[in-house]
């Protein structure tokens, strides 16, 4: 099925790292610092193994074309946690597909399942002053509200 999504496996680490590098090279800060591929691979592996990690991939024609990474973060002031995104990327030739929406849905359902207090999105569209209207509508449909540069939603 076009736009299938699934949890990442160890066999996906190389491809996820390649996509991470590709995303980094497309970003505005790419010239400022060098991408540390080995460190990135360690973090990717940690997301697969850690129960508070979320790493799913989007597939098209048996190839990984998108990645959604997230994790849980404990609040500084109380024994509770929220879920946040770390990396959301879709290759340019696949950007008109629904794969990111499916990965978003998987992340949202994961946050519900693990009983996160809230979801905070910071990377879903980068650090932009304005999100595209369709992204805003999609987030608002799930009850997210903008607060500064992030979108968040209380879960329980």
C-alpha atoms as a PDB file:
ATOM      1  CA  UNK A   1       0.000   0.000   0.000  1.00  0.00           C
ATOM      2  CA  UNK A   2       1.407   3.463  -0.849  1.00  0.00           C
ATOM      3  CA  UNK A   3       2.380   5.410   2.228  1.00  0.00           C
ATOM      4  CA  UNK A   4       2.729   2.469   4.606  1.00  0.00           C
ATOM      5  CA  UNK A   5       4.258   3.290   7.982  1.00  0.00           C
ATOM      6  CA  UNK A   6       5.888   1.070  10.577  1.00  0.00           C
ATOM      7  CA  UNK A   7       8.263   1.159  13.542  1.00  0.00           C
ATOM      8  CA  UNK A   8      11.915   1.436  12.506  1.00  0.00           C
ATOM      9  CA  UNK A   9      14.197  -1.551  13.011  1.00  0.00           C
ATOM     10  CA  UNK A  10      17.955  -1.918  13.374  1.00  0.00           C
ATOM     11  CA  UNK A  11      18.105  -2.721   9.661  1.00  0.00           C
ATOM     12  CA  UNK A  12      16.727   0.792   8.974  1.00  0.00           C
ATOM     13  CA  UNK A  13      19.402   2.717  10.866  1.00  0.00           C
ATOM     14  CA  UNK A  14      21.590   3.444   7.829  1.00  0.00           C
ATOM     15  CA  UNK A  15      18.673   4.720   5.741  1.00  0.00           C
ATOM     16  CA  UNK A  16      17.286   6.814   8.616  1.00  0.00           C
ATOM     17  CA  UNK A  17      20.748   8.346   9.058  1.00  0.00           C
ATOM     18  CA  UNK A  18      20.948   9.054   5.332  1.00  0.00           C
ATOM     19  CA  UNK A  19      17.601  10.847   5.537  1.00  0.00           C
ATOM     20  CA  UNK A  20      18.799  12.748   8.613  1.00  0.00           C
ATOM     21  CA  UNK A  21      21.833  13.948   6.685  1.00  0.00           C
ATOM     22  CA  UNK A  22      19.652  14.887   3.715  1.00  0.00           C
ATOM     23  CA  UNK A  23      17.315  16.871   6.003  1.00  0.00           C
ATOM     24  CA  UNK A  24      20.293  18.592   7.629  1.00  0.00           C
ATOM     25  CA  UNK A  25      21.732  19.565   4.242  1.00  0.00           C
ATOM     26  CA  UNK A  26      18.396  21.132   3.270  1.00  0.00           C
ATOM     27  CA  UNK A  27      18.204  23.151   6.505  1.00  0.00           C
ATOM     28  CA  UNK A  28      19.331  26.730   6.900  1.00  0.00           C
ATOM     29  CA  UNK A  29      21.942  25.880   9.564  1.00  0.00           C
ATOM     30  CA  UNK A  30      23.800  23.280   7.508  1.00  0.00           C
ATOM     31  CA  UNK A  31      26.756  25.558   6.797  1.00  0.00           C
ATOM     32  CA  UNK A  32      27.326  26.428  10.443  1.00  0.00           C
ATOM     33  CA  UNK A  33      28.255  23.001  11.783  1.00  0.00           C
ATOM     34  CA  UNK A  34      29.293  19.602  10.503  1.00  0.00           C
ATOM     35  CA  UNK A  35      26.765  16.750  10.678  1.00  0.00           C
ATOM     36  CA  UNK A  36      28.061  14.048  13.027  1.00  0.00           C
ATOM     37  CA  UNK A  37      26.830  10.880  11.294  1.00  0.00           C
ATOM     38  CA  UNK A  38      28.131   8.495  13.982  1.00  0.00           C
ATOM     39  CA  UNK A  39      26.519  10.451  16.816  1.00  0.00           C
ATOM     40  CA  UNK A  40      23.273  10.654  14.883  1.00  0.00           C
ATOM     41  CA  UNK A  41      23.345   6.851  14.385  1.00  0.00           C
ATOM     42  CA  UNK A  42      23.764   6.359  18.153  1.00  0.00           C
ATOM     43  CA  UNK A  43      20.708   8.525  18.818  1.00  0.00           C
ATOM     44  CA  UNK A  44      18.693   6.687  16.160  1.00  0.00           C
ATOM     45  CA  UNK A  45      19.600   3.346  17.735  1.00  0.00           C
ATOM     46  CA  UNK A  46      18.642   4.676  21.178  1.00  0.00           C
ATOM     47  CA  UNK A  47      15.203   5.683  19.900  1.00  0.00           C
ATOM     48  CA  UNK A  48      14.636   2.124  18.691  1.00  0.00           C
ATOM     49  CA  UNK A  49      15.726   0.505  21.962  1.00  0.00           C
ATOM     50  CA  UNK A  50      14.509   2.963  24.613  1.00  0.00           C
ATOM     51  CA  UNK A  51      10.886   2.582  25.768  1.00  0.00           C
ATOM     52  CA  UNK A  52      10.553   6.390  25.748  1.00  0.00           C
ATOM     53  CA  UNK A  53      11.724   6.575  22.145  1.00  0.00           C
ATOM     54  CA  UNK A  54       9.605   6.729  19.015  1.00  0.00           C
ATOM     55  CA  UNK A  55      11.057   6.070  15.571  1.00  0.00           C
ATOM     56  CA  UNK A  56       8.777   5.197  12.694  1.00  0.00           C
ATOM     57  CA  UNK A  57       9.396   5.222   8.970  1.00  0.00           C
ATOM     58  CA  UNK A  58       7.256   5.786   5.901  1.00  0.00           C
ATOM     59  CA  UNK A  59       7.632   3.397   2.969  1.00  0.00           C
ATOM     60  CA  UNK A  60       7.000   3.856  -0.748  1.00  0.00           C
ATOM     61  CA  UNK A  61       7.892   1.178  -3.293  1.00  0.00           C
ATOM     62  CA  UNK A  62       9.702  -0.793  -0.561  1.00  0.00           C
ATOM     63  CA  UNK A  63      11.995   2.164   0.194  1.00  0.00           C
ATOM     64  CA  UNK A  64      12.068   4.335   3.316  1.00  0.00           C
ATOM     65  CA  UNK A  65      11.071   7.822   2.178  1.00  0.00           C
ATOM     66  CA  UNK A  66      10.087   9.452   5.479  1.00  0.00           C
ATOM     67  CA  UNK A  67      10.973   9.349   9.156  1.00  0.00           C
ATOM     68  CA  UNK A  68       9.310  10.580  12.334  1.00  0.00           C
ATOM     69  CA  UNK A  69      11.382  10.559  15.532  1.00  0.00           C
ATOM     70  CA  UNK A  70      10.235  11.542  18.990  1.00  0.00           C
ATOM     71  CA  UNK A  71      10.750  10.848  22.649  1.00  0.00           C
ATOM     72  CA  UNK A  72       9.325  11.369  26.091  1.00  0.00           C
ATOM     73  CA  UNK A  73      10.689  14.084  28.354  1.00  0.00           C
ATOM     74  CA  UNK A  74      10.091  14.264  32.074  1.00  0.00           C
ATOM     75  CA  UNK A  75       8.872  17.612  33.335  1.00  0.00           C
ATOM     76  CA  UNK A  76      11.478  19.447  35.376  1.00  0.00           C
ATOM     77  CA  UNK A  77       9.031  20.220  38.171  1.00  0.00           C
ATOM     78  CA  UNK A  78       6.894  17.080  38.519  1.00  0.00           C
ATOM     79  CA  UNK A  79       6.882  13.305  38.013  1.00  0.00           C
ATOM     80  CA  UNK A  80       5.098  13.305  34.695  1.00  0.00           C
ATOM     81  CA  UNK A  81       6.191  13.477  31.072  1.00  0.00           C
ATOM     82  CA  UNK A  82       5.298  14.787  27.661  1.00  0.00           C
ATOM     83  CA  UNK A  83       5.992  13.472  24.169  1.00  0.00           C
ATOM     84  CA  UNK A  84       7.879  15.639  21.718  1.00  0.00           C
ATOM     85  CA  UNK A  85       9.036  15.305  18.140  1.00  0.00           C
ATOM     86  CA  UNK A  86      12.740  15.342  17.283  1.00  0.00           C
ATOM     87  CA  UNK A  87      12.798  14.866  13.533  1.00  0.00           C
ATOM     88  CA  UNK A  88      10.123  14.841  10.866  1.00  0.00           C
ATOM     89  CA  UNK A  89      11.338  14.396   7.314  1.00  0.00           C
ATOM     90  CA  UNK A  90       9.896  13.308   3.989  1.00  0.00           C
ATOM     91  CA  UNK A  91      11.980  13.196   0.797  1.00  0.00           C
ATOM     92  CA  UNK A  92      11.056  15.939  -1.667  1.00  0.00           C
ATOM     93  CA  UNK A  93       9.607  13.575  -4.298  1.00  0.00           C
ATOM     94  CA  UNK A  94       7.178  12.190  -1.701  1.00  0.00           C
ATOM     95  CA  UNK A  95       5.949  15.430  -0.113  1.00  0.00           C
ATOM     96  CA  UNK A  96       2.499  15.369  -1.691  1.00  0.00           C
ATOM     97  CA  UNK A  97       1.731  11.970  -0.179  1.00  0.00           C
ATOM     98  CA  UNK A  98      -0.089  11.242   3.074  1.00  0.00           C
ATOM     99  CA  UNK A  99       2.847   9.460   4.701  1.00  0.00           C
ATOM    100  CA  UNK A 100       3.658  12.271   7.162  1.00  0.00           C
ATOM    101  CA  UNK A 101       0.008  12.406   8.215  1.00  0.00           C
ATOM    102  CA  UNK A 102       0.145   8.649   8.875  1.00  0.00           C
ATOM    103  CA  UNK A 103       3.390   9.002  10.834  1.00  0.00           C
ATOM    104  CA  UNK A 104       1.882  11.885  12.818  1.00  0.00           C
ATOM    105  CA  UNK A 105      -1.130   9.710  13.627  1.00  0.00           C
ATOM    106  CA  UNK A 106       1.143   6.861  14.776  1.00  0.00           C
ATOM    107  CA  UNK A 107       3.034   9.279  17.040  1.00  0.00           C
ATOM    108  CA  UNK A 108      -0.202  10.677  18.454  1.00  0.00           C
ATOM    109  CA  UNK A 109      -1.539   7.178  19.174  1.00  0.00           C
ATOM    110  CA  UNK A 110       1.791   6.199  20.779  1.00  0.00           C
ATOM    111  CA  UNK A 111       1.627   9.258  23.052  1.00  0.00           C
ATOM    112  CA  UNK A 112      -1.909   8.276  24.072  1.00  0.00           C
ATOM    113  CA  UNK A 113      -0.872   4.670  24.685  1.00  0.00           C
ATOM    114  CA  UNK A 114       2.056   5.583  26.942  1.00  0.00           C
ATOM    115  CA  UNK A 115      -0.134   8.134  28.747  1.00  0.00           C
ATOM    116  CA  UNK A 116       1.894  11.235  27.973  1.00  0.00           C
ATOM    117  CA  UNK A 117       0.524  14.294  29.733  1.00  0.00           C
ATOM    118  CA  UNK A 118       0.864  16.379  26.578  1.00  0.00           C
ATOM    119  CA  UNK A 119       2.375  16.440  23.110  1.00  0.00           C
ATOM    120  CA  UNK A 120       4.669  19.291  22.114  1.00  0.00           C
ATOM    121  CA  UNK A 121       5.605  19.707  18.465  1.00  0.00           C
ATOM    122  CA  UNK A 122       8.716  21.730  17.742  1.00  0.00           C
ATOM    123  CA  UNK A 123      10.255  20.045  14.688  1.00  0.00           C
ATOM    124  CA  UNK A 124       7.178  19.131  12.665  1.00  0.00           C
ATOM    125  CA  UNK A 125       7.722  22.110  10.388  1.00  0.00           C
ATOM    126  CA  UNK A 126      10.997  23.502  11.626  1.00  0.00           C
ATOM    127  CA  UNK A 127      11.438  26.837  13.350  1.00  0.00           C
ATOM    128  CA  UNK A 128       9.213  28.871  11.062  1.00  0.00           C
ATOM    129  CA  UNK A 129       7.363  32.059  11.854  1.00  0.00           C
ATOM    130  CA  UNK A 130       4.342  30.720  10.010  1.00  0.00           C
ATOM    131  CA  UNK A 131       3.282  27.169   9.318  1.00  0.00           C
ATOM    132  CA  UNK A 132       1.528  26.356   6.041  1.00  0.00           C
ATOM    133  CA  UNK A 133      -2.257  26.631   6.453  1.00  0.00           C
ATOM    134  CA  UNK A 134      -2.789  22.911   5.740  1.00  0.00           C
ATOM    135  CA  UNK A 135      -0.371  21.963   8.551  1.00  0.00           C
ATOM    136  CA  UNK A 136      -2.149  24.342  10.937  1.00  0.00           C
ATOM    137  CA  UNK A 137      -5.559  22.888  10.012  1.00  0.00           C
ATOM    138  CA  UNK A 138      -4.267  19.344  10.516  1.00  0.00           C
ATOM    139  CA  UNK A 139      -2.817  20.114  13.950  1.00  0.00           C
ATOM    140  CA  UNK A 140      -5.906  22.032  15.033  1.00  0.00           C
ATOM    141  CA  UNK A 141      -8.084  19.114  13.977  1.00  0.00           C
ATOM    142  CA  UNK A 142      -6.286  17.086  16.661  1.00  0.00           C
ATOM    143  CA  UNK A 143      -6.776  19.826  19.256  1.00  0.00           C
ATOM    144  CA  UNK A 144      -3.295  21.392  19.089  1.00  0.00           C
ATOM    145  CA  UNK A 145      -2.838  25.066  19.920  1.00  0.00           C
ATOM    146  CA  UNK A 146       0.066  27.307  19.017  1.00  0.00           C
ATOM    147  CA  UNK A 147       2.221  28.646  21.828  1.00  0.00           C
ATOM    148  CA  UNK A 148       5.190  30.630  20.549  1.00  0.00           C
ATOM    149  CA  UNK A 149       7.013  28.435  18.035  1.00  0.00           C
ATOM    150  CA  UNK A 150       5.470  25.180  19.210  1.00  0.00           C
ATOM    151  CA  UNK A 151       2.130  23.456  18.934  1.00  0.00           C
ATOM    152  CA  UNK A 152       0.972  21.531  21.953  1.00  0.00           C
ATOM    153  CA  UNK A 153      -2.006  19.566  23.196  1.00  0.00           C
ATOM    154  CA  UNK A 154      -2.857  18.342  26.679  1.00  0.00           C
ATOM    155  CA  UNK A 155      -3.648  14.634  26.529  1.00  0.00           C
ATOM    156  CA  UNK A 156      -5.246  13.763  29.867  1.00  0.00           C
END
